[in-house]
Amino acid sequence: MSRFQSADVVECIDDTPVHPESRAMPRLGERYTVTRTRAVGGGWSVRLLELHPTCHLGGPCRCGDCGWDSSRFRKCEPDEVIGRTAEKGVAEPV
């Protein structure tokens, strides 16, 4: 089971491209929202709401199978997520 699930907020801790086709990469220290995860080989692939990966078939991903290795991210704690919401000027629920 993946350590992330949909709607989790994660922070990028590794922005080094591994594959030559990797053009769109998460930025180190930036936070993203997980849209889905899937098992790949012995690990997990993560899709993000704010960023779309380059497809292994070429161009922006339309196949739905591309993503980033989950080891590139750490899950943000709820208090960090609240801080992120306040930074963006979005009202918090009452």
PDB file of N, CA and C in Angstrom:
ATOM      1  N   MET A   1       0.841  -1.180   0.000  1.00  0.00           N
ATOM      2  CA  MET A   1       0.000   0.000   0.000  1.00  0.00           C
ATOM      3  C   MET A   1       0.886   1.244   0.000  1.00  0.00           C
ATOM      4  N   SER A   2       0.500   2.227  -0.798  1.00  0.00           N
ATOM      5  CA  SER A   2       1.249   3.473  -0.894  1.00  0.00           C
ATOM      6  C   SER A   2       1.148   4.255   0.410  1.00  0.00           C
ATOM      7  N   ARG A   3       2.168   5.023   0.707  1.00  0.00           N
ATOM      8  CA  ARG A   3       2.129   5.861   1.909  1.00  0.00           C
ATOM      9  C   ARG A   3       1.329   7.134   1.669  1.00  0.00           C
ATOM     10  N   PHE A   4       0.948   7.387   0.407  1.00  0.00           N
ATOM     11  CA  PHE A   4       0.125   8.542   0.061  1.00  0.00           C
ATOM     12  C   PHE A   4      -1.222   8.079  -0.468  1.00  0.00           C
ATOM     13  N   GLN A   5      -2.215   8.964  -0.348  1.00  0.00           N
ATOM     14  CA  GLN A   5      -3.519   8.713  -0.951  1.00  0.00           C
ATOM     15  C   GLN A   5      -4.016  10.013  -1.579  1.00  0.00           C
ATOM     16  N   SER A   6      -5.078   9.927  -2.355  1.00  0.00           N
ATOM     17  CA  SER A   6      -5.626  11.112  -3.016  1.00  0.00           C
ATOM     18  C   SER A   6      -5.912  12.207  -1.997  1.00  0.00           C
ATOM     19  N   ALA A   7      -5.625  13.434  -2.384  1.00  0.00           N
ATOM     20  CA  ALA A   7      -5.838  14.651  -1.598  1.00  0.00           C
ATOM     21  C   ALA A   7      -4.756  14.901  -0.558  1.00  0.00           C
ATOM     22  N   ASP A   8      -3.792  13.995  -0.386  1.00  0.00           N
ATOM     23  CA  ASP A   8      -2.668  14.267   0.510  1.00  0.00           C
ATOM     24  C   ASP A   8      -1.846  15.415  -0.065  1.00  0.00           C
ATOM     25  N   VAL A   9      -1.335  16.275   0.804  1.00  0.00           N
ATOM     26  CA  VAL A   9      -0.417  17.329   0.391  1.00  0.00           C
ATOM     27  C   VAL A   9       0.986  16.816   0.669  1.00  0.00           C
ATOM     28  N   VAL A  10       1.833  16.886  -0.366  1.00  0.00           N
ATOM     29  CA  VAL A  10       3.198  16.386  -0.260  1.00  0.00           C
ATOM     30  C   VAL A  10       4.175  17.487  -0.644  1.00  0.00           C
ATOM     31  N   GLU A  11       5.404  17.375  -0.138  1.00  0.00           N
ATOM     32  CA  GLU A  11       6.461  18.320  -0.469  1.00  0.00           C
ATOM     33  C   GLU A  11       7.542  17.594  -1.245  1.00  0.00           C
ATOM     34  N   CYS A  12       8.033  18.212  -2.305  1.00  0.00           N
ATOM     35  CA  CYS A  12       9.097  17.620  -3.113  1.00  0.00           C
ATOM     36  C   CYS A  12      10.419  17.684  -2.348  1.00  0.00           C
ATOM     37  N   ILE A  13      11.080  16.533  -2.206  1.00  0.00           N
ATOM     38  CA  ILE A  13      12.376  16.470  -1.529  1.00  0.00           C
ATOM     39  C   ILE A  13      13.485  16.029  -2.484  1.00  0.00           C
ATOM     40  N   ASP A  14      13.143  15.760  -3.755  1.00  0.00           N
ATOM     41  CA  ASP A  14      14.130  15.374  -4.767  1.00  0.00           C
ATOM     42  C   ASP A  14      13.608  15.794  -6.134  1.00  0.00           C
ATOM     43  N   ASP A  15      14.300  16.739  -6.763  1.00  0.00           N
ATOM     44  CA  ASP A  15      13.856  17.222  -8.077  1.00  0.00           C
ATOM     45  C   ASP A  15      14.828  16.863  -9.194  1.00  0.00           C
ATOM     46  N   THR A  16      15.653  15.853  -8.973  1.00  0.00           N
ATOM     47  CA  THR A  16      16.642  15.438  -9.959  1.00  0.00           C
ATOM     48  C   THR A  16      16.020  14.504 -10.992  1.00  0.00           C
ATOM     49  N   PRO A  17      16.040  14.868 -12.291  1.00  0.00           N
ATOM     50  CA  PRO A  17      15.494  13.973 -13.312  1.00  0.00           C
ATOM     51  C   PRO A  17      16.303  12.677 -13.400  1.00  0.00           C
ATOM     52  N   VAL A  18      15.611  11.569 -13.625  1.00  0.00           N
ATOM     53  CA  VAL A  18      16.259  10.266 -13.773  1.00  0.00           C
ATOM     54  C   VAL A  18      16.249   9.841 -15.234  1.00  0.00           C
ATOM     55  N   HIS A  19      15.135  10.078 -15.909  1.00  0.00           N
ATOM     56  CA  HIS A  19      14.975   9.662 -17.298  1.00  0.00           C
ATOM     57  C   HIS A  19      15.147  10.861 -18.228  1.00  0.00           C
ATOM     58  N   PRO A  20      15.741  10.645 -19.410  1.00  0.00           N
ATOM     59  CA  PRO A  20      15.954  11.772 -20.328  1.00  0.00           C
ATOM     60  C   PRO A  20      14.663  12.437 -20.799  1.00  0.00           C
ATOM     61  N   GLU A  21      13.553  11.695 -20.804  1.00  0.00           N
ATOM     62  CA  GLU A  21      12.283  12.284 -21.247  1.00  0.00           C
ATOM     63  C   GLU A  21      11.613  13.121 -20.161  1.00  0.00           C
ATOM     64  N   SER A  22      12.178  13.139 -18.952  1.00  0.00           N
ATOM     65  CA  SER A  22      11.601  13.912 -17.841  1.00  0.00           C
ATOM     66  C   SER A  22      11.819  15.400 -18.077  1.00  0.00           C
ATOM     67  N   ARG A  23      10.801  16.072 -18.548  1.00  0.00           N
ATOM     68  CA  ARG A  23      10.882  17.507 -18.799  1.00  0.00           C
ATOM     69  C   ARG A  23      10.163  18.284 -17.691  1.00  0.00           C
ATOM     70  N   ALA A  24       8.992  17.840 -17.326  1.00  0.00           N
ATOM     71  CA  ALA A  24       8.226  18.474 -16.250  1.00  0.00           C
ATOM     72  C   ALA A  24       8.613  17.793 -14.947  1.00  0.00           C
ATOM     73  N   MET A  25       9.215  18.560 -14.053  1.00  0.00           N
ATOM     74  CA  MET A  25       9.657  18.003 -12.775  1.00  0.00           C
ATOM     75  C   MET A  25       9.108  18.844 -11.637  1.00  0.00           C
ATOM     76  N   PRO A  26       8.739  18.203 -10.531  1.00  0.00           N
ATOM     77  CA  PRO A  26       8.340  18.975  -9.351  1.00  0.00           C
ATOM     78  C   PRO A  26       9.534  19.796  -8.866  1.00  0.00           C
ATOM     79  N   ARG A  27       9.259  20.934  -8.259  1.00  0.00           N
ATOM     80  CA  ARG A  27      10.327  21.807  -7.766  1.00  0.00           C
ATOM     81  C   ARG A  27      10.628  21.498  -6.307  1.00  0.00           C
ATOM     82  N   LEU A  28      11.884  21.434  -5.993  1.00  0.00           N
ATOM     83  CA  LEU A  28      12.346  21.154  -4.639  1.00  0.00           C
ATOM     84  C   LEU A  28      11.727  22.139  -3.650  1.00  0.00           C
ATOM     85  N   GLY A  29      11.118  21.605  -2.588  1.00  0.00           N
ATOM     86  CA  GLY A  29      10.516  22.434  -1.553  1.00  0.00           C
ATOM     87  C   GLY A  29       9.078  22.852  -1.820  1.00  0.00           C
ATOM     88  N   GLU A  30       8.601  22.670  -3.052  1.00  0.00           N
ATOM     89  CA  GLU A  30       7.218  23.023  -3.381  1.00  0.00           C
ATOM     90  C   GLU A  30       6.260  21.958  -2.871  1.00  0.00           C
ATOM     91  N   ARG A  31       5.039  22.380  -2.580  1.00  0.00           N
ATOM     92  CA  ARG A  31       4.004  21.449  -2.119  1.00  0.00           C
ATOM     93  C   ARG A  31       2.998  21.198  -3.235  1.00  0.00           C
ATOM     94  N   TYR A  32       2.525  19.953  -3.279  1.00  0.00           N
ATOM     95  CA  TYR A  32       1.605  19.512  -4.324  1.00  0.00           C
ATOM     96  C   TYR A  32       0.511  18.652  -3.707  1.00  0.00           C
ATOM     97  N   THR A  33      -0.594  18.508  -4.435  1.00  0.00           N
ATOM     98  CA  THR A  33      -1.704  17.666  -4.003  1.00  0.00           C
ATOM     99  C   THR A  33      -1.699  16.386  -4.819  1.00  0.00           C
ATOM    100  N   VAL A  34      -1.723  15.246  -4.139  1.00  0.00           N
ATOM    101  CA  VAL A  34      -1.743  13.945  -4.808  1.00  0.00           C
ATOM    102  C   VAL A  34      -3.134  13.705  -5.391  1.00  0.00           C
ATOM    103  N   THR A  35      -3.192  13.321  -6.672  1.00  0.00           N
ATOM    104  CA  THR A  35      -4.482  12.968  -7.270  1.00  0.00           C
ATOM    105  C   THR A  35      -4.675  11.461  -7.288  1.00  0.00           C
ATOM    106  N   ARG A  36      -3.566  10.718  -7.456  1.00  0.00           N
ATOM    107  CA  ARG A  36      -3.672   9.260  -7.406  1.00  0.00           C
ATOM    108  C   ARG A  36      -2.291   8.636  -7.312  1.00  0.00           C
ATOM    109  N   THR A  37      -2.262   7.399  -6.873  1.00  0.00           N
ATOM    110  CA  THR A  37      -1.025   6.625  -6.825  1.00  0.00           C
ATOM    111  C   THR A  37      -1.275   5.286  -7.508  1.00  0.00           C
ATOM    112  N   ARG A  38      -0.206   4.672  -7.989  1.00  0.00           N
ATOM    113  CA  ARG A  38      -0.331   3.328  -8.555  1.00  0.00           C
ATOM    114  C   ARG A  38       0.980   2.592  -8.359  1.00  0.00           C
ATOM    115  N   ALA A  39       0.872   1.284  -8.187  1.00  0.00           N
ATOM    116  CA  ALA A  39       2.056   0.442  -8.002  1.00  0.00           C
ATOM    117  C   ALA A  39       2.812   0.331  -9.321  1.00  0.00           C
ATOM    118  N   VAL A  40       4.138   0.500  -9.250  1.00  0.00           N
ATOM    119  CA  VAL A  40       5.007   0.355 -10.415  1.00  0.00           C
ATOM    120  C   VAL A  40       6.256  -0.373  -9.957  1.00  0.00           C
ATOM    121  N   GLY A  41       6.513  -1.541 -10.539  1.00  0.00           N
ATOM    122  CA  GLY A  41       7.675  -2.313 -10.125  1.00  0.00           C
ATOM    123  C   GLY A  41       7.603  -2.585  -8.639  1.00  0.00           C
ATOM    124  N   GLY A  42       8.639  -2.221  -7.906  1.00  0.00           N
ATOM    125  CA  GLY A  42       8.660  -2.418  -6.466  1.00  0.00           C
ATOM    126  C   GLY A  42       8.301  -1.170  -5.685  1.00  0.00           C
ATOM    127  N   GLY A  43       7.785  -0.140  -6.365  1.00  0.00           N
ATOM    128  CA  GLY A  43       7.474   1.112  -5.680  1.00  0.00           C
ATOM    129  C   GLY A  43       6.130   1.669  -6.087  1.00  0.00           C
ATOM    130  N   TRP A  44       5.998   2.997  -5.945  1.00  0.00           N
ATOM    131  CA  TRP A  44       4.735   3.675  -6.235  1.00  0.00           C
ATOM    132  C   TRP A  44       4.977   4.901  -7.094  1.00  0.00           C
ATOM    133  N   SER A  45       4.053   5.147  -8.012  1.00  0.00           N
ATOM    134  CA  SER A  45       4.062   6.328  -8.855  1.00  0.00           C
ATOM    135  C   SER A  45       2.976   7.272  -8.345  1.00  0.00           C
ATOM    136  N   VAL A  46       3.280   8.564  -8.347  1.00  0.00           N
ATOM    137  CA  VAL A  46       2.369   9.579  -7.831  1.00  0.00           C
ATOM    138  C   VAL A  46       1.988  10.539  -8.955  1.00  0.00           C
ATOM    139  N   ARG A  47       0.693  10.815  -9.078  1.00  0.00           N
ATOM    140  CA  ARG A  47       0.203  11.861  -9.990  1.00  0.00           C
ATOM    141  C   ARG A  47      -0.170  13.062  -9.130  1.00  0.00           C
ATOM    142  N   LEU A  48       0.095  14.264  -9.653  1.00  0.00           N
ATOM    143  CA  LEU A  48      -0.130  15.496  -8.909  1.00  0.00           C
ATOM    144  C   LEU A  48      -1.177  16.374  -9.590  1.00  0.00           C
ATOM    145  N   LEU A  49      -1.932  17.102  -8.799  1.00  0.00           N
ATOM    146  CA  LEU A  49      -2.962  18.000  -9.317  1.00  0.00           C
ATOM    147  C   LEU A  49      -2.342  19.186 -10.060  1.00  0.00           C
ATOM    148  N   GLU A  50      -1.289  19.742  -9.506  1.00  0.00           N
ATOM    149  CA  GLU A  50      -0.731  20.995 -10.011  1.00  0.00           C
ATOM    150  C   GLU A  50       0.270  20.835 -11.153  1.00  0.00           C
ATOM    151  N   LEU A  51       0.709  19.619 -11.448  1.00  0.00           N
ATOM    152  CA  LEU A  51       1.782  19.414 -12.427  1.00  0.00           C
ATOM    153  C   LEU A  51       1.530  18.133 -13.205  1.00  0.00           C
ATOM    154  N   HIS A  52       1.667  18.193 -14.518  1.00  0.00           N
ATOM    155  CA  HIS A  52       1.455  17.014 -15.355  1.00  0.00           C
ATOM    156  C   HIS A  52       2.792  16.528 -15.898  1.00  0.00           C
ATOM    157  N   PRO A  53       3.050  15.225 -15.813  1.00  0.00           N
ATOM    158  CA  PRO A  53       4.339  14.693 -16.257  1.00  0.00           C
ATOM    159  C   PRO A  53       4.462  14.628 -17.778  1.00  0.00           C
ATOM    160  N   THR A  54       5.707  14.524 -18.231  1.00  0.00           N
ATOM    161  CA  THR A  54       5.987  14.236 -19.626  1.00  0.00           C
ATOM    162  C   THR A  54       5.715  12.753 -19.829  1.00  0.00           C
ATOM    163  N   CYS A  55       5.047  12.398 -20.922  1.00  0.00           N
ATOM    164  CA  CYS A  55       4.666  11.005 -21.170  1.00  0.00           C
ATOM    165  C   CYS A  55       5.840  10.188 -21.708  1.00  0.00           C
ATOM    166  N   HIS A  56       5.894   8.933 -21.316  1.00  0.00           N
ATOM    167  CA  HIS A  56       6.923   8.039 -21.857  1.00  0.00           C
ATOM    168  C   HIS A  56       6.707   7.811 -23.359  1.00  0.00           C
ATOM    169  N   LEU A  57       5.509   8.166 -23.860  1.00  0.00           N
ATOM    170  CA  LEU A  57       5.205   8.056 -25.288  1.00  0.00           C
ATOM    171  C   LEU A  57       5.548   9.349 -26.031  1.00  0.00           C
ATOM    172  N   GLY A  58       5.923  10.392 -25.284  1.00  0.00           N
ATOM    173  CA  GLY A  58       6.265  11.688 -25.863  1.00  0.00           C
ATOM    174  C   GLY A  58       5.201  12.731 -25.580  1.00  0.00           C
ATOM    175  N   GLY A  59       5.624  13.960 -25.349  1.00  0.00           N
ATOM    176  CA  GLY A  59       4.701  15.063 -25.079  1.00  0.00           C
ATOM    177  C   GLY A  59       4.082  14.981 -23.697  1.00  0.00           C
ATOM    178  N   PRO A  60       3.107  15.866 -23.425  1.00  0.00           N
ATOM    179  CA  PRO A  60       2.420  15.826 -22.128  1.00  0.00           C
ATOM    180  C   PRO A  60       1.670  14.503 -21.970  1.00  0.00           C
ATOM    181  N   CYS A  61       1.590  13.995 -20.769  1.00  0.00           N
ATOM    182  CA  CYS A  61       0.964  12.691 -20.536  1.00  0.00           C
ATOM    183  C   CYS A  61      -0.537  12.731 -20.791  1.00  0.00           C
ATOM    184  N   ARG A  62      -0.976  11.824 -21.648  1.00  0.00           N
ATOM    185  CA  ARG A  62      -2.396  11.620 -21.894  1.00  0.00           C
ATOM    186  C   ARG A  62      -2.775  10.167 -21.626  1.00  0.00           C
ATOM    187  N   CYS A  63      -1.755   9.317 -21.401  1.00  0.00           N
ATOM    188  CA  CYS A  63      -2.037   7.890 -21.187  1.00  0.00           C
ATOM    189  C   CYS A  63      -2.517   7.620 -19.763  1.00  0.00           C
ATOM    190  N   GLY A  64      -2.184   8.533 -18.825  1.00  0.00           N
ATOM    191  CA  GLY A  64      -2.605   8.365 -17.439  1.00  0.00           C
ATOM    192  C   GLY A  64      -1.713   7.465 -16.614  1.00  0.00           C
ATOM    193  N   ASP A  65      -0.681   6.900 -17.230  1.00  0.00           N
ATOM    194  CA  ASP A  65       0.199   5.990 -16.499  1.00  0.00           C
ATOM    195  C   ASP A  65       1.501   6.635 -16.037  1.00  0.00           C
ATOM    196  N   CYS A  66       1.745   7.857 -16.409  1.00  0.00           N
ATOM    197  CA  CYS A  66       3.004   8.509 -16.040  1.00  0.00           C
ATOM    198  C   CYS A  66       2.848   9.234 -14.698  1.00  0.00           C
ATOM    199  N   GLY A  67       3.955   9.443 -14.040  1.00  0.00           N
ATOM    200  CA  GLY A  67       3.949  10.140 -12.759  1.00  0.00           C
ATOM    201  C   GLY A  67       5.365  10.230 -12.234  1.00  0.00           C
ATOM    202  N   TRP A  68       5.499  10.479 -10.943  1.00  0.00           N
ATOM    203  CA  TRP A  68       6.801  10.588 -10.315  1.00  0.00           C
ATOM    204  C   TRP A  68       6.907   9.563  -9.205  1.00  0.00           C
ATOM    205  N   ASP A  69       8.115   9.095  -8.966  1.00  0.00           N
ATOM    206  CA  ASP A  69       8.360   8.124  -7.906  1.00  0.00           C
ATOM    207  C   ASP A  69       7.975   8.741  -6.564  1.00  0.00           C
ATOM    208  N   SER A  70       7.240   7.995  -5.769  1.00  0.00           N
ATOM    209  CA  SER A  70       6.766   8.524  -4.480  1.00  0.00           C
ATOM    210  C   SER A  70       7.911   8.871  -3.534  1.00  0.00           C
ATOM    211  N   SER A  71       9.099   8.288  -3.756  1.00  0.00           N
ATOM    212  CA  SER A  71      10.234   8.595  -2.875  1.00  0.00           C
ATOM    213  C   SER A  71      10.725  10.029  -3.060  1.00  0.00           C
ATOM    214  N   ARG A  72      10.254  10.720  -4.080  1.00  0.00           N
ATOM    215  CA  ARG A  72      10.618  12.123  -4.298  1.00  0.00           C
ATOM    216  C   ARG A  72       9.859  13.073  -3.370  1.00  0.00           C
ATOM    217  N   PHE A  73       8.912  12.549  -2.600  1.00  0.00           N
ATOM    218  CA  PHE A  73       8.025  13.392  -1.805  1.00  0.00           C
ATOM    219  C   PHE A  73       7.946  12.940  -0.355  1.00  0.00           C
ATOM    220  N   ARG A  74       7.605  13.894   0.498  1.00  0.00           N
ATOM    221  CA  ARG A  74       7.265  13.573   1.881  1.00  0.00           C
ATOM    222  C   ARG A  74       5.878  14.138   2.140  1.00  0.00           C
ATOM    223  N   LYS A  75       5.115  13.429   2.951  1.00  0.00           N
ATOM    224  CA  LYS A  75       3.760  13.868   3.275  1.00  0.00           C
ATOM    225  C   LYS A  75       3.827  15.023   4.262  1.00  0.00           C
ATOM    226  N   CYS A  76       3.069  16.076   3.993  1.00  0.00           N
ATOM    227  CA  CYS A  76       3.011  17.224   4.893  1.00  0.00           C
ATOM    228  C   CYS A  76       2.014  16.938   6.004  1.00  0.00           C
ATOM    229  N   GLU A  77       2.349  17.375   7.192  1.00  0.00           N
ATOM    230  CA  GLU A  77       1.470  17.220   8.347  1.00  0.00           C
ATOM    231  C   GLU A  77       0.328  18.232   8.251  1.00  0.00           C
ATOM    232  N   PRO A  78      -0.811  17.957   8.916  1.00  0.00           N
ATOM    233  CA  PRO A  78      -1.970  18.866   8.830  1.00  0.00           C
ATOM    234  C   PRO A  78      -1.649  20.319   9.167  1.00  0.00           C
ATOM    235  N   ASP A  79      -0.794  20.577  10.164  1.00  0.00           N
ATOM    236  CA  ASP A  79      -0.478  21.966  10.511  1.00  0.00           C
ATOM    237  C   ASP A  79       0.309  22.656   9.397  1.00  0.00           C
ATOM    238  N   GLU A  80       1.097  21.905   8.629  1.00  0.00           N
ATOM    239  CA  GLU A  80       1.812  22.470   7.488  1.00  0.00           C
ATOM    240  C   GLU A  80       0.839  22.804   6.362  1.00  0.00           C
ATOM    241  N   VAL A  81      -0.183  21.985   6.201  1.00  0.00           N
ATOM    242  CA  VAL A  81      -1.185  22.198   5.158  1.00  0.00           C
ATOM    243  C   VAL A  81      -1.996  23.446   5.472  1.00  0.00           C
ATOM    244  N   ILE A  82      -2.341  23.653   6.743  1.00  0.00           N
ATOM    245  CA  ILE A  82      -3.084  24.847   7.154  1.00  0.00           C
ATOM    246  C   ILE A  82      -2.248  26.088   6.858  1.00  0.00           C
ATOM    247  N   GLY A  83      -0.952  26.026   7.141  1.00  0.00           N
ATOM    248  CA  GLY A  83      -0.062  27.140   6.826  1.00  0.00           C
ATOM    249  C   GLY A  83      -0.026  27.430   5.345  1.00  0.00           C
ATOM    250  N   ARG A  84      -0.060  26.378   4.523  1.00  0.00           N
ATOM    251  CA  ARG A  84      -0.062  26.531   3.064  1.00  0.00           C
ATOM    252  C   ARG A  84      -1.325  27.252   2.616  1.00  0.00           C
ATOM    253  N   THR A  85      -2.465  26.897   3.200  1.00  0.00           N
ATOM    254  CA  THR A  85      -3.736  27.526   2.853  1.00  0.00           C
ATOM    255  C   THR A  85      -3.696  29.008   3.216  1.00  0.00           C
ATOM    256  N   ALA A  86      -3.174  29.335   4.390  1.00  0.00           N
ATOM    257  CA  ALA A  86      -3.099  30.722   4.829  1.00  0.00           C
ATOM    258  C   ALA A  86      -2.172  31.529   3.919  1.00  0.00           C
ATOM    259  N   GLU A  87      -1.052  30.922   3.479  1.00  0.00           N
ATOM    260  CA  GLU A  87      -0.114  31.607   2.593  1.00  0.00           C
ATOM    261  C   GLU A  87      -0.767  31.980   1.272  1.00  0.00           C
ATOM    262  N   LYS A  88      -1.656  31.136   0.776  1.00  0.00           N
ATOM    263  CA  LYS A  88      -2.292  31.376  -0.514  1.00  0.00           C
ATOM    264  C   LYS A  88      -3.504  32.292  -0.394  1.00  0.00           C
ATOM    265  N   GLY A  89      -3.879  32.691   0.827  1.00  0.00           N
ATOM    266  CA  GLY A  89      -4.998  33.592   1.014  1.00  0.00           C
ATOM    267  C   GLY A  89      -6.353  32.930   0.854  1.00  0.00           C
ATOM    268  N   VAL A  90      -6.416  31.644   1.056  1.00  0.00           N
ATOM    269  CA  VAL A  90      -7.677  30.913   0.953  1.00  0.00           C
ATOM    270  C   VAL A  90      -8.275  30.820   2.344  1.00  0.00           C
ATOM    271  N   ALA A  91      -9.554  31.101   2.462  1.00  0.00           N
ATOM    272  CA  ALA A  91     -10.217  31.043   3.761  1.00  0.00           C
ATOM    273  C   ALA A  91     -10.268  29.614   4.273  1.00  0.00           C
ATOM    274  N   GLU A  92     -10.010  29.461   5.566  1.00  0.00           N
ATOM    275  CA  GLU A  92     -10.103  28.146   6.189  1.00  0.00           C
ATOM    276  C   GLU A  92     -11.548  27.886   6.596  1.00  0.00           C
ATOM    277  N   PRO A  93     -11.982  26.614   6.548  1.00  0.00           N
ATOM    278  CA  PRO A  93     -13.353  26.311   6.971  1.00  0.00           C
ATOM    279  C   PRO A  93     -13.545  26.589   8.452  1.00  0.00           C
ATOM    280  N   VAL A  94     -14.749  26.982   8.823  1.00  0.00           N
ATOM    281  CA  VAL A  94     -15.064  27.303  10.225  1.00  0.00           C
ATOM    282  C   VAL A  94     -15.562  26.072  10.929  1.00  0.00           C
TER     283      VAL A  94
END
